[in-house]
Amino acid sequence: MADLRAGIVGAGWIAGTHAATLADLGGVELVARADVVPGRAEYDDWREMLARERLDALIVCTPPDAHREVAVAAAEAGLAIYLEKPVAHVLDDARAIAAAVDAADVVCGVGYQYRAIEFLDDLPRDATLLLGTGVSDTQQRSWLGDRARGGSMILERASHLIDLERMLGGDVDAVSAVESGDAVSIALRFASGALGTVAVGRAAGGPGWRLELAGDDGTVTVELDPAFRAHGGGLDVEHTGPPPVRLSLACFVDAAARHDSGAVCCSLGEGVATLAVALAAQEAAERGATVRLD
């Protein structure tokens, strides 16, 4: 089988990580990149790249407000799509992307990399309390603090933990949140009756991300960045493979090569569902009120 030919749109910080991953993988070749900043990539216009290059897959690393146009065009061109999180900055755009992907029957994975952690299947699914915290410095990007573009701390950072808690706790039916500067605290009520919290902030130094799962059998501590390990409640396991951010992309490359939509680590449908909860948290913080989800 010929190598998968991939392109990247958006050549910023995370695109560099993905390009390095592609260089280490077999069966895939990074053909070209596009970025609006002149000189940063082979193309200044992603449309020209799609027109000129023969591609099989596209990795979308633009700011969230530009996801819709790029992803829809990629789907209509028949390309597999790896879409950095969040899926979009508004639900209408996310639904348009999902409709285009469904109509074209292309593989699409979303960059919620914690779903690539090897021991996730070992974690309890019956926790009554899920407590997620994430404190780290964040690579500065011009759009990061612009909520209108999808650059809020909730969509850009907290949504990682929202997604992981959704995976373990199920559907969320109500959200409340408070913000102060670069810090946010979110409360989730799951349809099961379980409660969750997500607290995220920016601080100098290395990352410190973790999740506590409390239930009838005790408490499991899940250490996330920088070490991936779960212990407590009779469990002691660790992630021994490549970092989840790299494994998530490798999972997508394999799924795209086999045209198997079910083989991605985080499906587009799950990414859209997480976006809905994150946007509800954003609304709750703005209104100072609990927001209910359908």
C-alpha atoms as a PDB file:
ATOM      1  CA  MET A   1       0.000   0.000   0.000  1.00  0.00           C
ATOM      2  CA  ALA A   2       1.323   3.450  -0.917  1.00  0.00           C
ATOM      3  CA  ASP A   3       2.126   5.875   1.885  1.00  0.00           C
ATOM      4  CA  LEU A   4      -0.702   8.123   3.020  1.00  0.00           C
ATOM      5  CA  ARG A   5      -0.076  11.654   1.737  1.00  0.00           C
ATOM      6  CA  ALA A   6      -0.915  14.238   4.397  1.00  0.00           C
ATOM      7  CA  GLY A   7      -1.070  18.010   4.541  1.00  0.00           C
ATOM      8  CA  ILE A   8      -1.283  20.405   7.482  1.00  0.00           C
ATOM      9  CA  VAL A   9      -3.272  23.653   7.598  1.00  0.00           C
ATOM     10  CA  GLY A  10      -1.977  25.993  10.259  1.00  0.00           C
ATOM     11  CA  ALA A  11       1.763  25.778  10.947  1.00  0.00           C
ATOM     12  CA  GLY A  12       1.891  26.982  14.549  1.00  0.00           C
ATOM     13  CA  TRP A  13       2.993  25.284  17.769  1.00  0.00           C
ATOM     14  CA  ILE A  14       0.832  22.133  17.783  1.00  0.00           C
ATOM     15  CA  ALA A  15       1.401  21.647  14.038  1.00  0.00           C
ATOM     16  CA  GLY A  16       5.097  21.278  14.783  1.00  0.00           C
ATOM     17  CA  THR A  17       4.344  18.456  17.214  1.00  0.00           C
ATOM     18  CA  HIS A  18       2.164  16.725  14.640  1.00  0.00           C
ATOM     19  CA  ALA A  19       4.750  17.164  11.881  1.00  0.00           C
ATOM     20  CA  ALA A  20       7.375  15.509  14.103  1.00  0.00           C
ATOM     21  CA  THR A  21       4.991  12.624  14.780  1.00  0.00           C
ATOM     22  CA  LEU A  22       4.336  12.113  11.065  1.00  0.00           C
ATOM     23  CA  ALA A  23       8.085  12.083  10.415  1.00  0.00           C
ATOM     24  CA  ASP A  24       8.482   9.231  12.919  1.00  0.00           C
ATOM     25  CA  LEU A  25       5.588   7.147  11.628  1.00  0.00           C
ATOM     26  CA  GLY A  26       5.751   4.669   8.801  1.00  0.00           C
ATOM     27  CA  GLY A  27       3.133   4.602   6.078  1.00  0.00           C
ATOM     28  CA  VAL A  28       2.577   8.360   5.930  1.00  0.00           C
ATOM     29  CA  GLU A  29       4.318  11.299   4.281  1.00  0.00           C
ATOM     30  CA  LEU A  30       3.865  14.963   5.137  1.00  0.00           C
ATOM     31  CA  VAL A  31       3.575  16.491   1.665  1.00  0.00           C
ATOM     32  CA  ALA A  32       2.917  20.179   2.369  1.00  0.00           C
ATOM     33  CA  ARG A  33       1.759  22.752   4.882  1.00  0.00           C
ATOM     34  CA  ALA A  34      -0.243  25.955   4.570  1.00  0.00           C
ATOM     35  CA  ASP A  35      -0.345  28.967   6.868  1.00  0.00           C
ATOM     36  CA  VAL A  36      -1.562  32.534   6.534  1.00  0.00           C
ATOM     37  CA  VAL A  37       1.749  33.866   7.902  1.00  0.00           C
ATOM     38  CA  PRO A  38       4.030  34.396   4.855  1.00  0.00           C
ATOM     39  CA  GLY A  39       7.124  32.214   4.873  1.00  0.00           C
ATOM     40  CA  ARG A  40       5.928  29.886   7.614  1.00  0.00           C
ATOM     41  CA  ALA A  41       4.833  27.107   5.259  1.00  0.00           C
ATOM     42  CA  GLU A  42       5.031  26.046   1.619  1.00  0.00           C
ATOM     43  CA  TYR A  43       1.630  27.651   0.931  1.00  0.00           C
ATOM     44  CA  ASP A  44       0.089  30.889   2.164  1.00  0.00           C
ATOM     45  CA  ASP A  45      -3.372  29.715   1.080  1.00  0.00           C
ATOM     46  CA  TRP A  46      -4.708  26.283   2.052  1.00  0.00           C
ATOM     47  CA  ARG A  47      -7.057  26.334  -0.951  1.00  0.00           C
ATOM     48  CA  GLU A  48      -4.081  26.481  -3.282  1.00  0.00           C
ATOM     49  CA  MET A  49      -2.481  23.580  -1.420  1.00  0.00           C
ATOM     50  CA  LEU A  50      -5.607  21.447  -1.800  1.00  0.00           C
ATOM     51  CA  ALA A  51      -5.787  22.318  -5.501  1.00  0.00           C
ATOM     52  CA  ARG A  52      -2.128  21.615  -6.287  1.00  0.00           C
ATOM     53  CA  GLU A  53      -1.199  18.698  -4.034  1.00  0.00           C
ATOM     54  CA  ARG A  54      -2.421  15.113  -4.178  1.00  0.00           C
ATOM     55  CA  LEU A  55      -3.471  14.472  -0.602  1.00  0.00           C
ATOM     56  CA  ASP A  56      -5.187  11.654   1.275  1.00  0.00           C
ATOM     57  CA  ALA A  57      -5.482  13.328   4.667  1.00  0.00           C
ATOM     58  CA  LEU A  58      -5.518  16.799   6.173  1.00  0.00           C
ATOM     59  CA  ILE A  59      -4.520  17.840   9.688  1.00  0.00           C
ATOM     60  CA  VAL A  60      -6.380  21.008  10.686  1.00  0.00           C
ATOM     61  CA  CYS A  61      -4.447  23.136  13.195  1.00  0.00           C
ATOM     62  CA  THR A  62      -5.992  26.545  12.543  1.00  0.00           C
ATOM     63  CA  PRO A  63      -7.707  28.603  15.276  1.00  0.00           C
ATOM     64  CA  PRO A  64     -11.168  27.126  15.982  1.00  0.00           C
ATOM     65  CA  ASP A  65     -13.096  29.842  14.150  1.00  0.00           C
ATOM     66  CA  ALA A  66     -11.440  28.734  10.878  1.00  0.00           C
ATOM     67  CA  HIS A  67     -12.135  25.023  11.303  1.00  0.00           C
ATOM     68  CA  ARG A  68     -15.442  24.940   9.443  1.00  0.00           C
ATOM     69  CA  GLU A  69     -14.301  26.218   6.055  1.00  0.00           C
ATOM     70  CA  VAL A  70     -11.151  24.077   5.992  1.00  0.00           C
ATOM     71  CA  ALA A  71     -12.759  20.880   7.302  1.00  0.00           C
ATOM     72  CA  VAL A  72     -15.808  21.100   5.037  1.00  0.00           C
ATOM     73  CA  ALA A  73     -13.595  21.648   1.985  1.00  0.00           C
ATOM     74  CA  ALA A  74     -11.402  18.714   3.004  1.00  0.00           C
ATOM     75  CA  ALA A  75     -14.413  16.436   3.417  1.00  0.00           C
ATOM     76  CA  GLU A  76     -15.824  17.483   0.052  1.00  0.00           C
ATOM     77  CA  ALA A  77     -12.420  16.654  -1.463  1.00  0.00           C
ATOM     78  CA  GLY A  78     -12.632  13.166   0.040  1.00  0.00           C
ATOM     79  CA  LEU A  79      -9.779  13.650   2.518  1.00  0.00           C
ATOM     80  CA  ALA A  80      -9.515  12.032   5.933  1.00  0.00           C
ATOM     81  CA  ILE A  81      -9.428  14.789   8.585  1.00  0.00           C
ATOM     82  CA  TYR A  82      -7.615  15.119  11.894  1.00  0.00           C
ATOM     83  CA  LEU A  83      -9.258  18.103  13.565  1.00  0.00           C
ATOM     84  CA  GLU A  84      -7.540  19.799  16.457  1.00  0.00           C
ATOM     85  CA  LYS A  85      -9.782  20.499  19.409  1.00  0.00           C
ATOM     86  CA  PRO A  86     -12.145  22.128  19.993  1.00  0.00           C
ATOM     87  CA  VAL A  87     -14.115  21.028  16.929  1.00  0.00           C
ATOM     88  CA  ALA A  88     -15.207  24.637  16.362  1.00  0.00           C
ATOM     89  CA  HIS A  89     -15.966  27.827  18.283  1.00  0.00           C
ATOM     90  CA  VAL A  90     -19.762  27.517  17.875  1.00  0.00           C
ATOM     91  CA  LEU A  91     -22.092  24.531  17.565  1.00  0.00           C
ATOM     92  CA  ASP A  92     -23.454  25.559  14.164  1.00  0.00           C
ATOM     93  CA  ASP A  93     -19.965  25.225  12.679  1.00  0.00           C
ATOM     94  CA  ALA A  94     -19.401  21.891  14.409  1.00  0.00           C
ATOM     95  CA  ARG A  95     -22.683  20.537  13.056  1.00  0.00           C
ATOM     96  CA  ALA A  96     -21.812  21.738   9.537  1.00  0.00           C
ATOM     97  CA  ILE A  97     -18.489  19.888   9.747  1.00  0.00           C
ATOM     98  CA  ALA A  98     -20.241  16.742  10.969  1.00  0.00           C
ATOM     99  CA  ALA A  99     -22.773  16.941   8.133  1.00  0.00           C
ATOM    100  CA  ALA A 100     -20.000  17.303   5.536  1.00  0.00           C
ATOM    101  CA  VAL A 101     -18.017  14.398   7.010  1.00  0.00           C
ATOM    102  CA  ASP A 102     -21.108  12.180   7.064  1.00  0.00           C
ATOM    103  CA  ALA A 103     -22.061  13.092   3.493  1.00  0.00           C
ATOM    104  CA  ALA A 104     -18.565  12.374   2.182  1.00  0.00           C
ATOM    105  CA  ASP A 105     -18.080   9.238   4.326  1.00  0.00           C
ATOM    106  CA  VAL A 106     -14.534  10.220   5.304  1.00  0.00           C
ATOM    107  CA  VAL A 107     -12.580   9.362   8.438  1.00  0.00           C
ATOM    108  CA  CYS A 108     -12.415  12.177  10.994  1.00  0.00           C
ATOM    109  CA  GLY A 109     -10.646  12.191  14.342  1.00  0.00           C
ATOM    110  CA  VAL A 110     -10.527  14.962  16.958  1.00  0.00           C
ATOM    111  CA  GLY A 111      -7.416  15.868  18.945  1.00  0.00           C
ATOM    112  CA  TYR A 112      -8.591  15.053  22.464  1.00  0.00           C
ATOM    113  CA  GLN A 113      -5.436  13.081  23.085  1.00  0.00           C
ATOM    114  CA  TYR A 114      -6.234  11.822  26.586  1.00  0.00           C
ATOM    115  CA  ARG A 115      -8.483   9.266  24.880  1.00  0.00           C
ATOM    116  CA  ALA A 116      -5.288   7.648  23.582  1.00  0.00           C
ATOM    117  CA  ILE A 117      -4.070   6.750  27.100  1.00  0.00           C
ATOM    118  CA  GLU A 118      -3.478   3.000  27.159  1.00  0.00           C
ATOM    119  CA  PHE A 119      -5.122   2.233  30.514  1.00  0.00           C
ATOM    120  CA  LEU A 120      -8.435   4.052  30.038  1.00  0.00           C
ATOM    121  CA  ASP A 121     -10.354   0.771  29.810  1.00  0.00           C
ATOM    122  CA  ASP A 122      -9.114  -0.075  33.317  1.00  0.00           C
ATOM    123  CA  LEU A 123     -10.635   3.031  34.904  1.00  0.00           C
ATOM    124  CA  PRO A 124     -13.973   2.817  36.739  1.00  0.00           C
ATOM    125  CA  ARG A 125     -17.102   3.991  34.971  1.00  0.00           C
ATOM    126  CA  ASP A 126     -19.233   4.190  38.132  1.00  0.00           C
ATOM    127  CA  ALA A 127     -17.525   7.031  39.986  1.00  0.00           C
ATOM    128  CA  THR A 128     -19.909   9.299  41.877  1.00  0.00           C
ATOM    129  CA  LEU A 129     -17.401  12.156  41.959  1.00  0.00           C
ATOM    130  CA  LEU A 130     -14.940  13.126  39.199  1.00  0.00           C
ATOM    131  CA  LEU A 131     -12.436  15.861  40.071  1.00  0.00           C
ATOM    132  CA  GLY A 132     -10.206  17.170  37.285  1.00  0.00           C
ATOM    133  CA  THR A 133      -7.474  19.787  37.643  1.00  0.00           C
ATOM    134  CA  GLY A 134      -5.076  21.242  35.106  1.00  0.00           C
ATOM    135  CA  VAL A 135      -2.417  23.838  35.879  1.00  0.00           C
ATOM    136  CA  SER A 136       0.308  24.698  33.377  1.00  0.00           C
ATOM    137  CA  ASP A 137       1.763  27.477  31.354  1.00  0.00           C
ATOM    138  CA  THR A 138       0.235  27.673  27.891  1.00  0.00           C
ATOM    139  CA  GLN A 139       2.044  28.273  24.633  1.00  0.00           C
ATOM    140  CA  GLN A 140       1.017  31.798  23.692  1.00  0.00           C
ATOM    141  CA  ARG A 141      -0.928  32.252  20.485  1.00  0.00           C
ATOM    142  CA  SER A 142      -2.459  35.474  19.194  1.00  0.00           C
ATOM    143  CA  TRP A 143      -5.996  34.085  19.330  1.00  0.00           C
ATOM    144  CA  LEU A 144      -5.710  32.233  22.654  1.00  0.00           C
ATOM    145  CA  GLY A 145      -7.509  34.836  24.768  1.00  0.00           C
ATOM    146  CA  ASP A 146     -10.098  35.676  22.107  1.00  0.00           C
ATOM    147  CA  ARG A 147     -13.329  33.941  23.106  1.00  0.00           C
ATOM    148  CA  ALA A 148     -15.015  34.968  19.842  1.00  0.00           C
ATOM    149  CA  ARG A 149     -12.457  32.824  17.975  1.00  0.00           C
ATOM    150  CA  GLY A 150     -12.712  29.853  20.333  1.00  0.00           C
ATOM    151  CA  GLY A 151      -9.638  30.803  22.339  1.00  0.00           C
ATOM    152  CA  SER A 152     -11.124  30.778  25.834  1.00  0.00           C
ATOM    153  CA  MET A 153      -9.533  28.802  28.662  1.00  0.00           C
ATOM    154  CA  ILE A 154     -12.696  26.700  28.712  1.00  0.00           C
ATOM    155  CA  LEU A 155     -12.636  25.632  25.056  1.00  0.00           C
ATOM    156  CA  GLU A 156      -8.864  25.521  24.652  1.00  0.00           C
ATOM    157  CA  ARG A 157      -7.756  23.991  27.978  1.00  0.00           C
ATOM    158  CA  ALA A 158     -10.639  22.863  30.205  1.00  0.00           C
ATOM    159  CA  SER A 159     -12.322  20.966  27.373  1.00  0.00           C
ATOM    160  CA  HIS A 160      -9.575  18.305  27.615  1.00  0.00           C
ATOM    161  CA  LEU A 161     -10.785  17.361  31.086  1.00  0.00           C
ATOM    162  CA  ILE A 162     -14.444  17.838  30.185  1.00  0.00           C
ATOM    163  CA  ASP A 163     -13.932  15.312  27.391  1.00  0.00           C
ATOM    164  CA  LEU A 164     -12.188  12.799  29.650  1.00  0.00           C
ATOM    165  CA  GLU A 165     -14.851  13.128  32.340  1.00  0.00           C
ATOM    166  CA  ARG A 166     -17.582  12.700  29.717  1.00  0.00           C
ATOM    167  CA  MET A 167     -15.888   9.530  28.485  1.00  0.00           C
ATOM    168  CA  LEU A 168     -15.839   8.079  32.010  1.00  0.00           C
ATOM    169  CA  GLY A 169     -19.006   9.601  33.491  1.00  0.00           C
ATOM    170  CA  GLY A 170     -21.400   9.671  30.544  1.00  0.00           C
ATOM    171  CA  ASP A 171     -23.799  12.376  29.436  1.00  0.00           C
ATOM    172  CA  VAL A 172     -23.829  15.757  31.187  1.00  0.00           C
ATOM    173  CA  ASP A 173     -27.209  17.369  31.836  1.00  0.00           C
ATOM    174  CA  ALA A 174     -26.275  20.586  33.693  1.00  0.00           C
ATOM    175  CA  VAL A 175     -23.237  22.880  33.953  1.00  0.00           C
ATOM    176  CA  SER A 176     -22.234  25.841  36.098  1.00  0.00           C
ATOM    177  CA  ALA A 177     -18.946  27.755  36.052  1.00  0.00           C
ATOM    178  CA  VAL A 178     -17.006  30.724  37.410  1.00  0.00           C
ATOM    179  CA  GLU A 179     -13.960  32.459  35.929  1.00  0.00           C
ATOM    180  CA  SER A 180     -11.293  34.764  37.280  1.00  0.00           C
ATOM    181  CA  GLY A 181      -8.550  35.911  34.935  1.00  0.00           C
ATOM    182  CA  ASP A 182      -6.834  32.829  33.495  1.00  0.00           C
ATOM    183  CA  ALA A 183      -8.552  30.455  35.926  1.00  0.00           C
ATOM    184  CA  VAL A 184     -11.882  28.678  35.577  1.00  0.00           C
ATOM    185  CA  SER A 185     -13.828  26.286  37.791  1.00  0.00           C
ATOM    186  CA  ILE A 186     -16.592  24.216  36.220  1.00  0.00           C
ATOM    187  CA  ALA A 187     -19.202  21.997  37.907  1.00  0.00           C
ATOM    188  CA  LEU A 188     -20.832  19.187  35.919  1.00  0.00           C
ATOM    189  CA  ARG A 189     -23.919  17.167  36.801  1.00  0.00           C
ATOM    190  CA  PHE A 190     -24.067  13.897  34.910  1.00  0.00           C
ATOM    191  CA  ALA A 191     -27.285  12.211  33.847  1.00  0.00           C
ATOM    192  CA  SER A 192     -26.292   9.294  36.092  1.00  0.00           C
ATOM    193  CA  GLY A 193     -26.411  11.572  39.145  1.00  0.00           C
ATOM    194  CA  ALA A 194     -22.626  11.746  39.482  1.00  0.00           C
ATOM    195  CA  LEU A 195     -20.937  15.106  39.930  1.00  0.00           C
ATOM    196  CA  GLY A 196     -17.789  16.395  38.272  1.00  0.00           C
ATOM    197  CA  THR A 197     -15.513  19.392  38.563  1.00  0.00           C
ATOM    198  CA  VAL A 198     -12.911  20.814  36.206  1.00  0.00           C
ATOM    199  CA  ALA A 199     -10.531  23.487  37.487  1.00  0.00           C
ATOM    200  CA  VAL A 200      -7.930  24.881  35.074  1.00  0.00           C
ATOM    201  CA  GLY A 201      -5.467  27.741  35.307  1.00  0.00           C
ATOM    202  CA  ARG A 202      -2.224  29.093  33.932  1.00  0.00           C
ATOM    203  CA  ALA A 203       1.007  29.079  35.938  1.00  0.00           C
ATOM    204  CA  ALA A 204       4.708  29.093  35.190  1.00  0.00           C
ATOM    205  CA  GLY A 205       6.554  25.804  35.243  1.00  0.00           C
ATOM    206  CA  GLY A 206       5.790  22.327  34.014  1.00  0.00           C
ATOM    207  CA  PRO A 207       2.316  20.891  33.516  1.00  0.00           C
ATOM    208  CA  GLY A 208       0.294  19.392  36.334  1.00  0.00           C
ATOM    209  CA  TRP A 209      -2.882  17.670  35.147  1.00  0.00           C
ATOM    210  CA  ARG A 210      -4.777  14.980  37.052  1.00  0.00           C
ATOM    211  CA  LEU A 211      -8.158  13.404  37.638  1.00  0.00           C
ATOM    212  CA  GLU A 212      -9.606  11.847  40.802  1.00  0.00           C
ATOM    213  CA  LEU A 213     -12.376   9.256  40.489  1.00  0.00           C
ATOM    214  CA  ALA A 214     -14.210   8.564  43.756  1.00  0.00           C
ATOM    215  CA  GLY A 215     -16.733   5.752  44.151  1.00  0.00           C
ATOM    216  CA  ASP A 216     -17.860   2.866  46.338  1.00  0.00           C
ATOM    217  CA  ASP A 217     -14.594   0.986  45.739  1.00  0.00           C
ATOM    218  CA  GLY A 218     -12.366   3.871  46.767  1.00  0.00           C
ATOM    219  CA  THR A 219     -10.576   6.663  44.949  1.00  0.00           C
ATOM    220  CA  VAL A 220      -8.472   6.273  41.807  1.00  0.00           C
ATOM    221  CA  THR A 221      -5.932   8.989  41.065  1.00  0.00           C
ATOM    222  CA  VAL A 222      -5.181   9.440  37.378  1.00  0.00           C
ATOM    223  CA  GLU A 223      -1.965  11.359  36.791  1.00  0.00           C
ATOM    224  CA  LEU A 224      -2.022  13.016  33.391  1.00  0.00           C
ATOM    225  CA  ASP A 225       0.638  15.378  32.028  1.00  0.00           C
ATOM    226  CA  PRO A 226       3.543  14.918  32.450  1.00  0.00           C
ATOM    227  CA  ALA A 227       3.337  11.322  33.797  1.00  0.00           C
ATOM    228  CA  PHE A 228       0.467   9.052  32.809  1.00  0.00           C
ATOM    229  CA  ARG A 229      -0.403   6.649  35.628  1.00  0.00           C
ATOM    230  CA  ALA A 230      -3.479   5.522  37.548  1.00  0.00           C
ATOM    231  CA  HIS A 231      -3.333   4.200  41.108  1.00  0.00           C
ATOM    232  CA  GLY A 232      -5.639   3.601  44.052  1.00  0.00           C
ATOM    233  CA  GLY A 233      -8.797   1.560  44.482  1.00  0.00           C
ATOM    234  CA  GLY A 234      -6.841  -1.627  43.767  1.00  0.00           C
ATOM    235  CA  LEU A 235      -5.441  -0.221  40.524  1.00  0.00           C
ATOM    236  CA  ASP A 236      -1.842   0.563  39.594  1.00  0.00           C
ATOM    237  CA  VAL A 237      -1.229   0.958  35.846  1.00  0.00           C
ATOM    238  CA  GLU A 238       0.755   3.291  33.630  1.00  0.00           C
ATOM    239  CA  HIS A 239       0.938   4.414  30.023  1.00  0.00           C
ATOM    240  CA  THR A 240       4.153   3.035  28.549  1.00  0.00           C
ATOM    241  CA  GLY A 241       3.792   3.949  24.871  1.00  0.00           C
ATOM    242  CA  PRO A 242       4.365   7.223  23.027  1.00  0.00           C
ATOM    243  CA  PRO A 243       2.858  10.368  24.591  1.00  0.00           C
ATOM    244  CA  PRO A 244      -0.924  10.449  24.036  1.00  0.00           C
ATOM    245  CA  VAL A 245      -0.646  13.553  21.818  1.00  0.00           C
ATOM    246  CA  ARG A 246       1.474  11.504  19.407  1.00  0.00           C
ATOM    247  CA  LEU A 247      -0.487   8.287  19.822  1.00  0.00           C
ATOM    248  CA  SER A 248      -3.750  10.050  19.002  1.00  0.00           C
ATOM    249  CA  LEU A 249      -2.381  11.161  15.623  1.00  0.00           C
ATOM    250  CA  ALA A 250      -0.854   7.729  14.957  1.00  0.00           C
ATOM    251  CA  CYS A 251      -4.280   6.198  15.663  1.00  0.00           C
ATOM    252  CA  PHE A 252      -5.821   8.560  13.092  1.00  0.00           C
ATOM    253  CA  VAL A 253      -3.207   7.721  10.434  1.00  0.00           C
ATOM    254  CA  ASP A 254      -3.944   4.016  10.866  1.00  0.00           C
ATOM    255  CA  ALA A 255      -7.707   4.630  10.730  1.00  0.00           C
ATOM    256  CA  ALA A 256      -7.347   6.764   7.594  1.00  0.00           C
ATOM    257  CA  ALA A 257      -5.196   4.151   5.859  1.00  0.00           C
ATOM    258  CA  ARG A 258      -7.835   1.489   6.564  1.00  0.00           C
ATOM    259  CA  HIS A 259     -10.796   3.848   6.026  1.00  0.00           C
ATOM    260  CA  ASP A 260     -12.118   2.818   9.420  1.00  0.00           C
ATOM    261  CA  SER A 261     -13.970   5.694  11.094  1.00  0.00           C
ATOM    262  CA  GLY A 262     -14.408   3.655  14.252  1.00  0.00           C
ATOM    263  CA  ALA A 263     -10.646   3.308  14.797  1.00  0.00           C
ATOM    264  CA  VAL A 264      -9.884   6.939  15.700  1.00  0.00           C
ATOM    265  CA  CYS A 265      -9.241   7.706  19.368  1.00  0.00           C
ATOM    266  CA  CYS A 266     -11.839  10.474  19.558  1.00  0.00           C
ATOM    267  CA  SER A 267     -14.642  10.507  17.009  1.00  0.00           C
ATOM    268  CA  LEU A 268     -16.139  13.662  15.573  1.00  0.00           C
ATOM    269  CA  GLY A 269     -19.435  12.894  17.307  1.00  0.00           C
ATOM    270  CA  GLU A 270     -17.713  12.740  20.689  1.00  0.00           C
ATOM    271  CA  GLY A 271     -15.822  15.940  19.913  1.00  0.00           C
ATOM    272  CA  VAL A 272     -19.068  17.746  19.082  1.00  0.00           C
ATOM    273  CA  ALA A 273     -20.691  16.481  22.300  1.00  0.00           C
ATOM    274  CA  THR A 274     -17.737  17.752  24.340  1.00  0.00           C
ATOM    275  CA  LEU A 275     -17.954  21.120  22.568  1.00  0.00           C
ATOM    276  CA  ALA A 276     -21.619  21.397  23.584  1.00  0.00           C
ATOM    277  CA  VAL A 277     -20.691  20.937  27.252  1.00  0.00           C
ATOM    278  CA  ALA A 278     -17.746  23.358  27.014  1.00  0.00           C
ATOM    279  CA  LEU A 279     -19.917  26.026  25.368  1.00  0.00           C
ATOM    280  CA  ALA A 280     -22.535  25.505  28.087  1.00  0.00           C
ATOM    281  CA  ALA A 281     -19.790  26.093  30.678  1.00  0.00           C
ATOM    282  CA  GLN A 282     -18.757  29.248  28.858  1.00  0.00           C
ATOM    283  CA  GLU A 283     -22.354  30.476  28.875  1.00  0.00           C
ATOM    284  CA  ALA A 284     -22.741  29.574  32.552  1.00  0.00           C
ATOM    285  CA  ALA A 285     -19.654  31.596  33.466  1.00  0.00           C
ATOM    286  CA  GLU A 286     -20.915  34.606  31.493  1.00  0.00           C
ATOM    287  CA  ARG A 287     -24.442  34.493  32.936  1.00  0.00           C
ATOM    288  CA  GLY A 288     -23.623  33.358  36.445  1.00  0.00           C
ATOM    289  CA  ALA A 289     -26.298  30.692  36.124  1.00  0.00           C
ATOM    290  CA  THR A 290     -26.624  26.951  35.686  1.00  0.00           C
ATOM    291  CA  VAL A 291     -27.069  25.914  32.058  1.00  0.00           C
ATOM    292  CA  ARG A 292     -28.986  22.750  31.240  1.00  0.00           C
ATOM    293  CA  LEU A 293     -28.189  20.570  28.248  1.00  0.00           C
ATOM    294  CA  ASP A 294     -30.603  18.564  26.150  1.00  0.00           C
END
